[in-house]
Amino acid sequence: MKVLAINGSPKMDEGNTARILNPFLDGMRDAGADVELFHTRKLKIGPCNGDMSCWFRNPGRCGQKDDMQMLYPKFEDADVIVWATPVYFSGVTGPLKNLMDRQLPLHVPGTVAKKRQKVVLVSSCGAWEMAAFDPIIAQMKAIYSRPDAEFVAALLRPGAEAMRFMPEGAMDDVIQAARDAGRELVRTGRISESLLKAVSRPLMSEEEYMRLGEKAIEEARKGA
């Protein structure tokens, strides 16, 4: 099984999204998957220019010469695509949206896909409420309503800033659940609801989280 993962966090492996993404990908590797991970921050990818030449003048080919040329065959060969992103303002990060828009050459009307791909979202958000992920979930479902793809699941981490302040070992179960989710996806093609809930479980009370946020804001003001 070939897995293509794209992390849209500008913080790459140091961000909250990576705290869930990396064990998830490790679990897939444990189960025998061939996993490639790319960070948008390290890629040179321009926005789609919207001229539709990749559909009508040169079907299947994008005229822009940047890192998408390297990624196109990887998208075509992947059995699983993993999109990873923090939620800053009700959606994926800007660089990741650019990359997603540039997939148009892979979906020329009338072409037949080589395989039916599975798609997973990994996302973190500083907001406490799970509802903060509703817009990005709706976007994923809209994009992957095609017959050649299946949106399998979303590993969601609300209240993500709490992870930075947890005592050592206090969220080992969350990390293990992410790893187990990766193994399960490779072995069964699905991720159980119990594992998804374990990844998203509250790390502290909402009141504690709000106090933590207030403290962080106050410290930032003092340091400004």
N, C-alpha and C. Protein backbone atom coordinates (compact mmCIF):
# COMPACT_ATOMS: atom_id res chain seq x y z
N MET A 1 0.84 -1.20 0.00
CA MET A 1 0.00 0.00 0.00
C MET A 1 0.88 1.25 0.00
N LYS A 2 0.60 2.16 -0.93
CA LYS A 2 1.34 3.41 -1.01
C LYS A 2 0.52 4.54 -0.38
N VAL A 3 1.17 5.29 0.49
CA VAL A 3 0.51 6.37 1.21
C VAL A 3 1.23 7.68 0.92
N LEU A 4 0.47 8.69 0.49
CA LEU A 4 1.00 10.03 0.28
C LEU A 4 0.40 10.94 1.34
N ALA A 5 1.25 11.53 2.17
CA ALA A 5 0.80 12.42 3.23
C ALA A 5 1.34 13.82 2.99
N ILE A 6 0.47 14.82 3.13
CA ILE A 6 0.85 16.21 2.96
C ILE A 6 0.51 16.96 4.24
N ASN A 7 1.52 17.56 4.87
CA ASN A 7 1.30 18.34 6.09
C ASN A 7 1.34 19.82 5.74
N GLY A 8 0.20 20.49 5.94
CA GLY A 8 0.10 21.91 5.60
C GLY A 8 0.44 22.85 6.73
N SER A 9 0.95 22.33 7.85
CA SER A 9 1.29 23.19 8.97
C SER A 9 2.61 23.91 8.72
N PRO A 10 2.65 25.23 8.92
CA PRO A 10 3.92 25.95 8.76
C PRO A 10 4.94 25.54 9.81
N LYS A 11 4.49 24.92 10.91
CA LYS A 11 5.40 24.48 11.96
C LYS A 11 5.95 23.08 11.70
N MET A 12 5.48 22.46 10.64
CA MET A 12 5.96 21.13 10.21
C MET A 12 5.95 20.14 11.38
N ASP A 13 7.09 19.52 11.67
CA ASP A 13 7.13 18.49 12.72
C ASP A 13 7.09 19.05 14.13
N GLU A 14 7.14 20.36 14.27
CA GLU A 14 7.09 20.98 15.59
C GLU A 14 5.68 21.43 15.97
N GLY A 15 4.72 21.26 15.07
CA GLY A 15 3.38 21.75 15.32
C GLY A 15 2.48 20.73 16.00
N ASN A 16 1.33 21.19 16.45
CA ASN A 16 0.36 20.31 17.11
C ASN A 16 -0.18 19.25 16.16
N THR A 17 -0.35 19.61 14.89
CA THR A 17 -0.86 18.64 13.92
C THR A 17 0.06 17.44 13.80
N ALA A 18 1.37 17.69 13.80
CA ALA A 18 2.35 16.61 13.68
C ALA A 18 2.32 15.67 14.87
N ARG A 19 1.86 16.15 16.03
CA ARG A 19 1.80 15.30 17.22
C ARG A 19 0.80 14.16 17.05
N ILE A 20 -0.16 14.35 16.15
CA ILE A 20 -1.11 13.29 15.82
C ILE A 20 -0.73 12.62 14.50
N LEU A 21 -0.32 13.41 13.53
CA LEU A 21 0.01 12.89 12.21
C LEU A 21 1.15 11.88 12.26
N ASN A 22 2.25 12.22 12.93
CA ASN A 22 3.43 11.36 12.87
C ASN A 22 3.21 9.98 13.46
N PRO A 23 2.57 9.83 14.64
CA PRO A 23 2.28 8.47 15.11
C PRO A 23 1.29 7.73 14.22
N PHE A 24 0.35 8.46 13.62
CA PHE A 24 -0.59 7.84 12.68
C PHE A 24 0.16 7.24 11.50
N LEU A 25 1.10 8.00 10.93
CA LEU A 25 1.90 7.49 9.81
C LEU A 25 2.82 6.36 10.26
N ASP A 26 3.36 6.47 11.48
CA ASP A 26 4.20 5.39 12.00
C ASP A 26 3.40 4.09 12.10
N GLY A 27 2.15 4.19 12.53
CA GLY A 27 1.30 3.01 12.60
C GLY A 27 1.08 2.39 11.24
N MET A 28 0.93 3.22 10.22
CA MET A 28 0.77 2.70 8.86
C MET A 28 2.05 2.00 8.40
N ARG A 29 3.18 2.58 8.73
CA ARG A 29 4.45 1.93 8.39
C ARG A 29 4.59 0.60 9.13
N ASP A 30 4.19 0.58 10.41
CA ASP A 30 4.25 -0.66 11.19
C ASP A 30 3.46 -1.77 10.51
N ALA A 31 2.36 -1.39 9.86
CA ALA A 31 1.49 -2.38 9.22
C ALA A 31 1.94 -2.71 7.80
N GLY A 32 3.08 -2.14 7.37
CA GLY A 32 3.66 -2.50 6.08
C GLY A 32 3.44 -1.52 4.96
N ALA A 33 2.85 -0.36 5.23
CA ALA A 33 2.60 0.63 4.17
C ALA A 33 3.89 1.38 3.81
N ASP A 34 3.96 1.77 2.55
CA ASP A 34 5.05 2.61 2.04
C ASP A 34 4.57 4.06 2.13
N VAL A 35 5.12 4.83 3.08
CA VAL A 35 4.61 6.16 3.39
C VAL A 35 5.60 7.24 2.97
N GLU A 36 5.11 8.24 2.24
CA GLU A 36 5.90 9.42 1.92
C GLU A 36 5.20 10.64 2.51
N LEU A 37 5.96 11.47 3.21
CA LEU A 37 5.42 12.67 3.83
C LEU A 37 6.09 13.91 3.25
N PHE A 38 5.27 14.89 2.87
CA PHE A 38 5.78 16.16 2.37
C PHE A 38 5.18 17.29 3.20
N HIS A 39 5.97 18.35 3.39
CA HIS A 39 5.52 19.54 4.09
C HIS A 39 5.37 20.68 3.10
N THR A 40 4.21 21.34 3.11
CA THR A 40 4.01 22.44 2.16
C THR A 40 5.04 23.54 2.33
N ARG A 41 5.53 23.71 3.55
CA ARG A 41 6.51 24.79 3.78
C ARG A 41 7.80 24.56 3.00
N LYS A 42 8.09 23.32 2.68
CA LYS A 42 9.32 23.00 1.95
C LYS A 42 9.09 22.90 0.44
N LEU A 43 7.84 23.06 0.02
CA LEU A 43 7.51 22.89 -1.39
C LEU A 43 7.34 24.25 -2.07
N LYS A 44 7.71 24.32 -3.33
CA LYS A 44 7.46 25.50 -4.14
C LYS A 44 6.27 25.20 -5.04
N ILE A 45 5.10 25.72 -4.65
CA ILE A 45 3.88 25.44 -5.39
C ILE A 45 3.07 26.73 -5.51
N GLY A 46 2.87 27.18 -6.74
CA GLY A 46 2.08 28.38 -6.97
C GLY A 46 0.60 28.09 -6.96
N PRO A 47 -0.23 29.11 -6.84
CA PRO A 47 -1.67 28.91 -6.90
C PRO A 47 -2.14 28.56 -8.31
N CYS A 48 -3.25 27.88 -8.39
CA CYS A 48 -3.85 27.58 -9.69
C CYS A 48 -4.21 28.89 -10.38
N ASN A 49 -3.89 29.01 -11.69
CA ASN A 49 -4.21 30.25 -12.39
C ASN A 49 -5.61 30.22 -13.01
N GLY A 50 -6.29 29.09 -12.91
CA GLY A 50 -7.69 29.01 -13.30
C GLY A 50 -7.99 29.13 -14.78
N ASP A 51 -7.02 28.92 -15.66
CA ASP A 51 -7.30 29.07 -17.09
C ASP A 51 -7.85 27.78 -17.72
N MET A 52 -7.91 26.71 -16.92
CA MET A 52 -8.47 25.42 -17.34
C MET A 52 -7.73 24.79 -18.53
N SER A 53 -6.49 25.25 -18.79
CA SER A 53 -5.74 24.67 -19.90
C SER A 53 -5.44 23.19 -19.64
N CYS A 54 -5.38 22.80 -18.36
CA CYS A 54 -5.09 21.40 -18.03
C CYS A 54 -6.26 20.48 -18.35
N TRP A 55 -7.42 21.06 -18.65
CA TRP A 55 -8.58 20.27 -19.05
C TRP A 55 -8.81 20.32 -20.56
N PHE A 56 -8.60 21.50 -21.17
CA PHE A 56 -9.05 21.69 -22.54
C PHE A 56 -7.94 21.83 -23.58
N ARG A 57 -6.89 22.59 -23.28
CA ARG A 57 -5.82 22.76 -24.26
C ARG A 57 -4.78 21.64 -24.16
N ASN A 58 -4.39 21.30 -22.93
CA ASN A 58 -3.42 20.23 -22.72
C ASN A 58 -3.96 19.31 -21.62
N PRO A 59 -4.94 18.47 -21.94
CA PRO A 59 -5.60 17.65 -20.92
C PRO A 59 -4.63 16.83 -20.08
N GLY A 60 -4.74 17.00 -18.76
CA GLY A 60 -3.91 16.24 -17.84
C GLY A 60 -2.56 16.83 -17.56
N ARG A 61 -2.27 18.00 -18.13
CA ARG A 61 -0.97 18.61 -17.94
C ARG A 61 -1.10 20.04 -17.44
N CYS A 62 -0.37 20.36 -16.38
CA CYS A 62 -0.34 21.72 -15.86
C CYS A 62 0.87 22.45 -16.45
N GLY A 63 0.64 23.68 -16.89
CA GLY A 63 1.72 24.43 -17.51
C GLY A 63 2.72 25.02 -16.53
N GLN A 64 2.39 25.04 -15.24
CA GLN A 64 3.31 25.60 -14.25
C GLN A 64 4.41 24.59 -13.92
N LYS A 65 5.62 25.06 -13.90
CA LYS A 65 6.76 24.19 -13.63
C LYS A 65 7.24 24.43 -12.19
N ASP A 66 6.68 23.69 -11.30
CA ASP A 66 7.09 23.79 -9.90
C ASP A 66 7.01 22.40 -9.28
N ASP A 67 6.96 22.31 -7.96
CA ASP A 67 7.02 21.01 -7.30
C ASP A 67 5.79 20.14 -7.51
N MET A 68 4.71 20.69 -8.05
CA MET A 68 3.55 19.84 -8.36
C MET A 68 3.90 18.81 -9.43
N GLN A 69 4.84 19.14 -10.30
CA GLN A 69 5.23 18.18 -11.33
C GLN A 69 5.80 16.91 -10.70
N MET A 70 6.47 17.06 -9.59
CA MET A 70 7.01 15.92 -8.85
C MET A 70 5.90 15.17 -8.11
N LEU A 71 4.89 15.92 -7.65
CA LEU A 71 3.83 15.31 -6.85
C LEU A 71 2.75 14.62 -7.67
N TYR A 72 2.52 15.06 -8.90
CA TYR A 72 1.43 14.48 -9.69
C TYR A 72 1.49 12.95 -9.78
N PRO A 73 2.62 12.37 -10.16
CA PRO A 73 2.65 10.89 -10.22
C PRO A 73 2.47 10.23 -8.86
N LYS A 74 2.89 10.90 -7.81
CA LYS A 74 2.71 10.34 -6.47
C LYS A 74 1.23 10.32 -6.08
N PHE A 75 0.50 11.37 -6.47
CA PHE A 75 -0.94 11.38 -6.23
C PHE A 75 -1.61 10.24 -7.01
N GLU A 76 -1.20 10.05 -8.24
CA GLU A 76 -1.81 9.00 -9.07
C GLU A 76 -1.54 7.61 -8.53
N ASP A 77 -0.34 7.39 -7.98
CA ASP A 77 0.04 6.06 -7.51
C ASP A 77 -0.46 5.75 -6.11
N ALA A 78 -0.85 6.76 -5.35
CA ALA A 78 -1.20 6.54 -3.95
C ALA A 78 -2.49 5.73 -3.79
N ASP A 79 -2.45 4.82 -2.83
CA ASP A 79 -3.67 4.11 -2.43
C ASP A 79 -4.41 4.87 -1.35
N VAL A 80 -3.64 5.62 -0.55
CA VAL A 80 -4.20 6.44 0.52
C VAL A 80 -3.57 7.83 0.46
N ILE A 81 -4.41 8.85 0.57
CA ILE A 81 -3.93 10.23 0.66
C ILE A 81 -4.29 10.76 2.04
N VAL A 82 -3.31 11.28 2.75
CA VAL A 82 -3.53 11.85 4.08
C VAL A 82 -3.28 13.36 4.01
N TRP A 83 -4.32 14.12 4.26
CA TRP A 83 -4.19 15.58 4.34
C TRP A 83 -4.08 15.97 5.81
N ALA A 84 -3.09 16.74 6.16
CA ALA A 84 -2.90 17.17 7.54
C ALA A 84 -2.81 18.68 7.59
N THR A 85 -3.55 19.28 8.51
CA THR A 85 -3.57 20.74 8.59
C THR A 85 -4.10 21.22 9.93
N PRO A 86 -3.55 22.30 10.45
CA PRO A 86 -4.23 22.97 11.56
C PRO A 86 -5.40 23.77 11.02
N VAL A 87 -6.37 24.04 11.86
CA VAL A 87 -7.48 24.93 11.50
C VAL A 87 -7.20 26.28 12.14
N TYR A 88 -6.93 27.28 11.31
CA TYR A 88 -6.70 28.62 11.82
C TYR A 88 -7.95 29.49 11.69
N PHE A 89 -8.61 29.39 10.53
CA PHE A 89 -9.76 30.25 10.27
C PHE A 89 -10.77 29.48 9.44
N SER A 90 -11.30 28.42 10.04
CA SER A 90 -12.37 27.62 9.44
C SER A 90 -11.99 26.94 8.13
N GLY A 91 -10.75 26.52 7.99
CA GLY A 91 -10.37 25.81 6.78
C GLY A 91 -8.93 25.37 6.82
N VAL A 92 -8.47 24.77 5.73
CA VAL A 92 -7.09 24.34 5.63
C VAL A 92 -6.18 25.56 5.50
N THR A 93 -4.90 25.40 5.75
CA THR A 93 -3.95 26.50 5.60
C THR A 93 -3.84 26.91 4.13
N GLY A 94 -3.44 28.14 3.90
CA GLY A 94 -3.36 28.67 2.54
C GLY A 94 -2.49 27.86 1.60
N PRO A 95 -1.24 27.52 1.99
CA PRO A 95 -0.39 26.74 1.10
C PRO A 95 -0.99 25.37 0.76
N LEU A 96 -1.68 24.77 1.72
CA LEU A 96 -2.29 23.47 1.44
C LEU A 96 -3.45 23.62 0.46
N LYS A 97 -4.21 24.69 0.58
CA LYS A 97 -5.30 24.91 -0.37
C LYS A 97 -4.76 25.12 -1.77
N ASN A 98 -3.65 25.84 -1.90
CA ASN A 98 -3.02 25.99 -3.22
C ASN A 98 -2.70 24.62 -3.81
N LEU A 99 -2.11 23.76 -2.99
CA LEU A 99 -1.73 22.43 -3.47
C LEU A 99 -2.97 21.63 -3.87
N MET A 100 -4.01 21.71 -3.07
CA MET A 100 -5.24 20.97 -3.38
C MET A 100 -5.86 21.46 -4.68
N ASP A 101 -5.87 22.78 -4.89
CA ASP A 101 -6.42 23.34 -6.13
C ASP A 101 -5.66 22.85 -7.35
N ARG A 102 -4.38 22.64 -7.20
CA ARG A 102 -3.53 22.26 -8.33
C ARG A 102 -3.71 20.79 -8.75
N GLN A 103 -4.64 20.08 -8.12
CA GLN A 103 -4.92 18.69 -8.52
C GLN A 103 -5.80 18.61 -9.77
N LEU A 104 -6.27 19.72 -10.28
CA LEU A 104 -7.19 19.70 -11.42
C LEU A 104 -6.72 18.84 -12.59
N PRO A 105 -5.42 18.86 -12.97
CA PRO A 105 -5.00 18.03 -14.10
C PRO A 105 -5.24 16.52 -13.88
N LEU A 106 -5.40 16.12 -12.63
CA LEU A 106 -5.62 14.71 -12.34
C LEU A 106 -7.08 14.31 -12.49
N HIS A 107 -7.94 15.29 -12.74
CA HIS A 107 -9.38 15.01 -12.77
C HIS A 107 -10.04 15.60 -14.01
N VAL A 108 -9.44 15.35 -15.16
CA VAL A 108 -10.00 15.81 -16.42
C VAL A 108 -11.30 15.05 -16.68
N PRO A 109 -12.39 15.74 -17.02
CA PRO A 109 -13.65 15.05 -17.28
C PRO A 109 -13.51 13.97 -18.34
N GLY A 110 -14.10 12.82 -18.07
CA GLY A 110 -14.06 11.71 -19.02
C GLY A 110 -12.92 10.73 -18.82
N THR A 111 -11.93 11.10 -17.98
CA THR A 111 -10.83 10.18 -17.72
C THR A 111 -11.25 9.15 -16.66
N VAL A 112 -10.64 7.99 -16.74
CA VAL A 112 -10.94 6.91 -15.80
C VAL A 112 -9.78 6.77 -14.82
N ALA A 113 -10.08 6.86 -13.54
CA ALA A 113 -9.04 6.75 -12.52
C ALA A 113 -8.45 5.34 -12.48
N LYS A 114 -7.16 5.26 -12.13
CA LYS A 114 -6.49 3.97 -12.06
C LYS A 114 -6.94 3.15 -10.86
N LYS A 115 -7.39 3.81 -9.81
CA LYS A 115 -7.78 3.11 -8.58
C LYS A 115 -8.73 3.98 -7.77
N ARG A 116 -9.40 3.37 -6.80
CA ARG A 116 -10.25 4.12 -5.88
C ARG A 116 -9.45 4.37 -4.61
N GLN A 117 -9.12 5.63 -4.40
CA GLN A 117 -8.25 5.99 -3.29
C GLN A 117 -9.03 6.24 -2.01
N LYS A 118 -8.37 5.94 -0.90
CA LYS A 118 -8.92 6.28 0.40
C LYS A 118 -8.27 7.57 0.88
N VAL A 119 -9.04 8.40 1.56
CA VAL A 119 -8.58 9.71 1.99
C VAL A 119 -8.83 9.87 3.48
N VAL A 120 -7.83 10.39 4.18
CA VAL A 120 -7.94 10.63 5.62
C VAL A 120 -7.50 12.06 5.91
N LEU A 121 -8.20 12.70 6.83
CA LEU A 121 -7.83 14.04 7.30
C LEU A 121 -7.26 13.93 8.71
N VAL A 122 -6.15 14.61 8.95
CA VAL A 122 -5.61 14.76 10.30
C VAL A 122 -5.56 16.26 10.58
N SER A 123 -6.24 16.70 11.64
CA SER A 123 -6.33 18.14 11.86
C SER A 123 -6.31 18.47 13.35
N SER A 124 -5.72 19.60 13.66
CA SER A 124 -5.71 20.12 15.04
C SER A 124 -6.27 21.54 15.04
N CYS A 125 -6.77 21.94 16.20
CA CYS A 125 -7.34 23.28 16.31
C CYS A 125 -7.22 23.77 17.74
N GLY A 126 -6.94 25.04 17.91
CA GLY A 126 -6.84 25.59 19.25
C GLY A 126 -8.19 25.74 19.93
N ALA A 127 -9.27 25.76 19.14
CA ALA A 127 -10.60 25.89 19.71
C ALA A 127 -10.96 24.64 20.51
N TRP A 128 -11.77 24.83 21.52
CA TRP A 128 -12.18 23.72 22.38
C TRP A 128 -13.23 22.84 21.70
N GLU A 129 -14.14 23.46 20.95
CA GLU A 129 -15.29 22.75 20.41
C GLU A 129 -14.94 21.91 19.17
N MET A 130 -15.47 20.70 19.13
CA MET A 130 -15.32 19.86 17.94
C MET A 130 -15.98 20.50 16.72
N ALA A 131 -16.98 21.36 16.96
CA ALA A 131 -17.67 22.02 15.84
C ALA A 131 -16.73 22.89 15.02
N ALA A 132 -15.58 23.25 15.57
CA ALA A 132 -14.61 24.06 14.83
C ALA A 132 -14.14 23.34 13.57
N PHE A 133 -14.26 22.01 13.56
CA PHE A 133 -13.82 21.24 12.40
C PHE A 133 -14.91 21.06 11.35
N ASP A 134 -16.13 21.49 11.62
CA ASP A 134 -17.25 21.25 10.69
C ASP A 134 -16.98 21.77 9.28
N PRO A 135 -16.44 23.00 9.11
CA PRO A 135 -16.21 23.48 7.74
C PRO A 135 -15.21 22.64 6.96
N ILE A 136 -14.14 22.22 7.62
CA ILE A 136 -13.13 21.46 6.89
C ILE A 136 -13.61 20.03 6.59
N ILE A 137 -14.44 19.48 7.47
CA ILE A 137 -15.02 18.16 7.20
C ILE A 137 -15.97 18.26 6.00
N ALA A 138 -16.77 19.32 5.97
CA ALA A 138 -17.69 19.51 4.84
C ALA A 138 -16.92 19.65 3.53
N GLN A 139 -15.77 20.35 3.59
CA GLN A 139 -14.95 20.52 2.39
C GLN A 139 -14.42 19.17 1.91
N MET A 140 -13.92 18.37 2.82
CA MET A 140 -13.38 17.06 2.45
C MET A 140 -14.46 16.17 1.84
N LYS A 141 -15.63 16.18 2.43
CA LYS A 141 -16.73 15.37 1.90
C LYS A 141 -17.15 15.83 0.52
N ALA A 142 -17.11 17.15 0.29
CA ALA A 142 -17.46 17.68 -1.02
C ALA A 142 -16.43 17.30 -2.08
N ILE A 143 -15.16 17.42 -1.73
CA ILE A 143 -14.09 17.08 -2.68
C ILE A 143 -14.11 15.60 -3.02
N TYR A 144 -14.33 14.77 -2.01
CA TYR A 144 -14.22 13.32 -2.22
C TYR A 144 -15.58 12.63 -2.27
N SER A 145 -16.52 13.29 -2.96
CA SER A 145 -17.80 12.66 -3.25
C SER A 145 -17.74 11.93 -4.59
N ARG A 146 -16.55 11.90 -5.19
CA ARG A 146 -16.38 11.27 -6.50
C ARG A 146 -16.34 9.74 -6.35
N PRO A 147 -16.66 9.02 -7.42
CA PRO A 147 -16.63 7.56 -7.37
C PRO A 147 -15.23 6.97 -7.28
N ASP A 148 -14.20 7.79 -7.58
CA ASP A 148 -12.84 7.26 -7.55
C ASP A 148 -12.13 7.51 -6.22
N ALA A 149 -12.87 7.99 -5.20
CA ALA A 149 -12.25 8.27 -3.91
C ALA A 149 -13.24 8.05 -2.79
N GLU A 150 -12.71 7.76 -1.61
CA GLU A 150 -13.54 7.57 -0.43
C GLU A 150 -12.92 8.30 0.75
N PHE A 151 -13.66 9.22 1.33
CA PHE A 151 -13.22 9.91 2.53
C PHE A 151 -13.51 8.99 3.71
N VAL A 152 -12.46 8.40 4.25
CA VAL A 152 -12.62 7.33 5.23
C VAL A 152 -12.86 7.86 6.64
N ALA A 153 -12.04 8.82 7.07
CA ALA A 153 -12.13 9.25 8.48
C ALA A 153 -11.33 10.52 8.69
N ALA A 154 -11.56 11.13 9.86
CA ALA A 154 -10.81 12.32 10.26
C ALA A 154 -10.31 12.14 11.68
N LEU A 155 -9.01 12.27 11.87
CA LEU A 155 -8.41 12.27 13.21
C LEU A 155 -8.31 13.73 13.64
N LEU A 156 -9.11 14.09 14.63
CA LEU A 156 -9.26 15.49 15.01
C LEU A 156 -8.77 15.72 16.44
N ARG A 157 -8.00 16.80 16.63
CA ARG A 157 -7.48 17.12 17.95
C ARG A 157 -7.90 18.54 18.33
N PRO A 158 -9.07 18.71 19.00
CA PRO A 158 -9.47 20.03 19.48
C PRO A 158 -8.66 20.40 20.72
N GLY A 159 -8.72 21.67 21.10
CA GLY A 159 -7.96 22.11 22.27
C GLY A 159 -6.50 21.73 22.17
N ALA A 160 -5.96 21.86 20.97
CA ALA A 160 -4.63 21.30 20.68
C ALA A 160 -3.51 21.93 21.48
N GLU A 161 -3.66 23.20 21.86
CA GLU A 161 -2.58 23.85 22.60
C GLU A 161 -2.33 23.19 23.95
N ALA A 162 -3.32 22.47 24.45
CA ALA A 162 -3.14 21.78 25.73
C ALA A 162 -2.03 20.74 25.66
N MET A 163 -1.79 20.21 24.47
CA MET A 163 -0.77 19.17 24.33
C MET A 163 0.61 19.66 24.74
N ARG A 164 0.84 20.94 24.58
CA ARG A 164 2.16 21.50 24.90
C ARG A 164 2.41 21.58 26.40
N PHE A 165 1.34 21.46 27.18
CA PHE A 165 1.46 21.65 28.62
C PHE A 165 1.15 20.39 29.42
N MET A 166 0.94 19.28 28.72
CA MET A 166 0.61 18.04 29.41
C MET A 166 1.86 17.43 30.06
N PRO A 167 1.73 16.88 31.26
CA PRO A 167 2.86 16.19 31.89
C PRO A 167 3.28 14.99 31.05
N GLU A 168 4.52 14.60 31.19
CA GLU A 168 5.04 13.47 30.43
C GLU A 168 4.18 12.22 30.69
N GLY A 169 3.76 11.61 29.62
CA GLY A 169 2.97 10.38 29.71
C GLY A 169 1.48 10.59 29.84
N ALA A 170 1.05 11.85 30.04
CA ALA A 170 -0.37 12.11 30.30
C ALA A 170 -1.25 11.92 29.07
N MET A 171 -0.65 11.95 27.88
CA MET A 171 -1.44 11.74 26.68
C MET A 171 -0.89 10.59 25.83
N ASP A 172 -0.24 9.66 26.51
CA ASP A 172 0.27 8.48 25.80
C ASP A 172 -0.85 7.71 25.11
N ASP A 173 -2.03 7.69 25.74
CA ASP A 173 -3.16 6.97 25.15
C ASP A 173 -3.63 7.62 23.86
N VAL A 174 -3.52 8.95 23.77
CA VAL A 174 -3.91 9.66 22.55
C VAL A 174 -2.94 9.32 21.42
N ILE A 175 -1.66 9.35 21.72
CA ILE A 175 -0.64 9.02 20.72
C ILE A 175 -0.77 7.57 20.28
N GLN A 176 -1.02 6.68 21.24
CA GLN A 176 -1.18 5.27 20.90
C GLN A 176 -2.40 5.05 20.03
N ALA A 177 -3.48 5.79 20.32
CA ALA A 177 -4.69 5.66 19.51
C ALA A 177 -4.42 6.10 18.07
N ALA A 178 -3.63 7.16 17.89
CA ALA A 178 -3.28 7.61 16.53
C ALA A 178 -2.46 6.55 15.81
N ARG A 179 -1.52 5.95 16.53
CA ARG A 179 -0.71 4.89 15.92
C ARG A 179 -1.58 3.67 15.56
N ASP A 180 -2.46 3.29 16.48
CA ASP A 180 -3.35 2.15 16.22
C ASP A 180 -4.28 2.43 15.05
N ALA A 181 -4.69 3.69 14.91
CA ALA A 181 -5.56 4.07 13.79
C ALA A 181 -4.84 3.85 12.46
N GLY A 182 -3.54 4.17 12.42
CA GLY A 182 -2.77 3.94 11.21
C GLY A 182 -2.67 2.46 10.87
N ARG A 183 -2.40 1.65 11.88
CA ARG A 183 -2.33 0.21 11.66
C ARG A 183 -3.67 -0.34 11.16
N GLU A 184 -4.74 0.11 11.81
CA GLU A 184 -6.06 -0.40 11.47
C GLU A 184 -6.46 -0.02 10.04
N LEU A 185 -6.13 1.19 9.63
CA LEU A 185 -6.47 1.62 8.29
C LEU A 185 -5.81 0.73 7.24
N VAL A 186 -4.53 0.43 7.45
CA VAL A 186 -3.82 -0.41 6.49
C VAL A 186 -4.39 -1.82 6.47
N ARG A 187 -4.70 -2.35 7.63
CA ARG A 187 -5.14 -3.74 7.73
C ARG A 187 -6.59 -3.97 7.34
N THR A 188 -7.45 -2.97 7.60
CA THR A 188 -8.89 -3.18 7.37
C THR A 188 -9.52 -2.18 6.40
N GLY A 189 -8.81 -1.09 6.10
CA GLY A 189 -9.38 -0.06 5.25
C GLY A 189 -10.31 0.87 5.98
N ARG A 190 -10.39 0.74 7.30
CA ARG A 190 -11.28 1.55 8.11
C ARG A 190 -10.57 1.99 9.38
N ILE A 191 -11.15 2.97 10.09
CA ILE A 191 -10.67 3.37 11.41
C ILE A 191 -11.89 3.36 12.33
N SER A 192 -11.80 2.65 13.42
CA SER A 192 -12.94 2.51 14.32
C SER A 192 -13.28 3.81 15.01
N GLU A 193 -14.55 3.97 15.33
CA GLU A 193 -15.01 5.16 16.02
C GLU A 193 -14.36 5.29 17.38
N SER A 194 -14.08 4.18 18.04
CA SER A 194 -13.46 4.24 19.36
C SER A 194 -12.07 4.85 19.31
N LEU A 195 -11.31 4.56 18.26
CA LEU A 195 -9.97 5.14 18.12
C LEU A 195 -10.07 6.64 17.78
N LEU A 196 -11.01 7.00 16.94
CA LEU A 196 -11.18 8.41 16.60
C LEU A 196 -11.55 9.23 17.84
N LYS A 197 -12.41 8.67 18.68
CA LYS A 197 -12.79 9.36 19.91
C LYS A 197 -11.62 9.46 20.89
N ALA A 198 -10.79 8.43 20.91
CA ALA A 198 -9.62 8.44 21.80
C ALA A 198 -8.63 9.54 21.39
N VAL A 199 -8.47 9.74 20.09
CA VAL A 199 -7.58 10.81 19.61
C VAL A 199 -8.10 12.18 20.01
N SER A 200 -9.42 12.33 20.04
CA SER A 200 -10.04 13.63 20.29
C SER A 200 -10.41 13.88 21.75
N ARG A 201 -10.14 12.94 22.62
CA ARG A 201 -10.64 13.05 24.00
C ARG A 201 -10.12 14.32 24.68
N PRO A 202 -10.92 14.90 25.58
CA PRO A 202 -10.47 16.10 26.30
C PRO A 202 -9.21 15.80 27.11
N LEU A 203 -8.28 16.71 27.07
CA LEU A 203 -7.04 16.56 27.82
C LEU A 203 -7.12 17.21 29.20
N MET A 204 -8.11 18.08 29.35
CA MET A 204 -8.37 18.76 30.61
C MET A 204 -9.78 19.32 30.53
N SER A 205 -10.27 19.92 31.59
CA SER A 205 -11.60 20.52 31.54
C SER A 205 -11.57 21.79 30.70
N GLU A 206 -12.73 22.19 30.21
CA GLU A 206 -12.80 23.41 29.41
C GLU A 206 -12.37 24.62 30.24
N GLU A 207 -12.74 24.64 31.51
CA GLU A 207 -12.36 25.75 32.38
C GLU A 207 -10.84 25.84 32.52
N GLU A 208 -10.20 24.69 32.72
CA GLU A 208 -8.74 24.67 32.83
C GLU A 208 -8.10 25.16 31.53
N TYR A 209 -8.67 24.76 30.41
CA TYR A 209 -8.11 25.14 29.11
C TYR A 209 -8.23 26.65 28.90
N MET A 210 -9.37 27.22 29.29
CA MET A 210 -9.55 28.66 29.14
C MET A 210 -8.58 29.43 30.02
N ARG A 211 -8.36 28.93 31.24
CA ARG A 211 -7.39 29.59 32.13
C ARG A 211 -5.99 29.51 31.55
N LEU A 212 -5.68 28.37 30.95
CA LEU A 212 -4.38 28.19 30.30
C LEU A 212 -4.20 29.20 29.18
N GLY A 213 -5.26 29.41 28.40
CA GLY A 213 -5.20 30.38 27.32
C GLY A 213 -5.01 31.79 27.81
N GLU A 214 -5.71 32.14 28.88
CA GLU A 214 -5.58 33.48 29.45
C GLU A 214 -4.16 33.71 29.96
N LYS A 215 -3.60 32.68 30.57
CA LYS A 215 -2.24 32.79 31.08
C LYS A 215 -1.24 32.99 29.94
N ALA A 216 -1.43 32.24 28.85
CA ALA A 216 -0.53 32.34 27.71
C ALA A 216 -0.61 33.73 27.08
N ILE A 217 -1.83 34.29 27.00
CA ILE A 217 -2.01 35.63 26.43
C ILE A 217 -1.31 36.68 27.31
N GLU A 218 -1.46 36.54 28.62
CA GLU A 218 -0.85 37.48 29.54
C GLU A 218 0.67 37.44 29.45
N GLU A 219 1.23 36.22 29.35
CA GLU A 219 2.68 36.08 29.23
C GLU A 219 3.18 36.67 27.92
N ALA A 220 2.39 36.51 26.87
CA ALA A 220 2.78 37.08 25.57
C ALA A 220 2.79 38.60 25.63
N ARG A 221 1.83 39.17 26.33
CA ARG A 221 1.78 40.62 26.46
C ARG A 221 2.99 41.15 27.22
N LYS A 222 3.37 40.44 28.28
CA LYS A 222 4.51 40.87 29.07
C LYS A 222 5.80 40.80 28.26
N GLY A 223 5.86 39.82 27.37
CA GLY A 223 7.08 39.65 26.57
C GLY A 223 7.13 40.56 25.35
N ALA A 224 6.01 41.20 25.06
CA ALA A 224 5.95 42.05 23.84
C ALA A 224 6.75 43.34 24.03
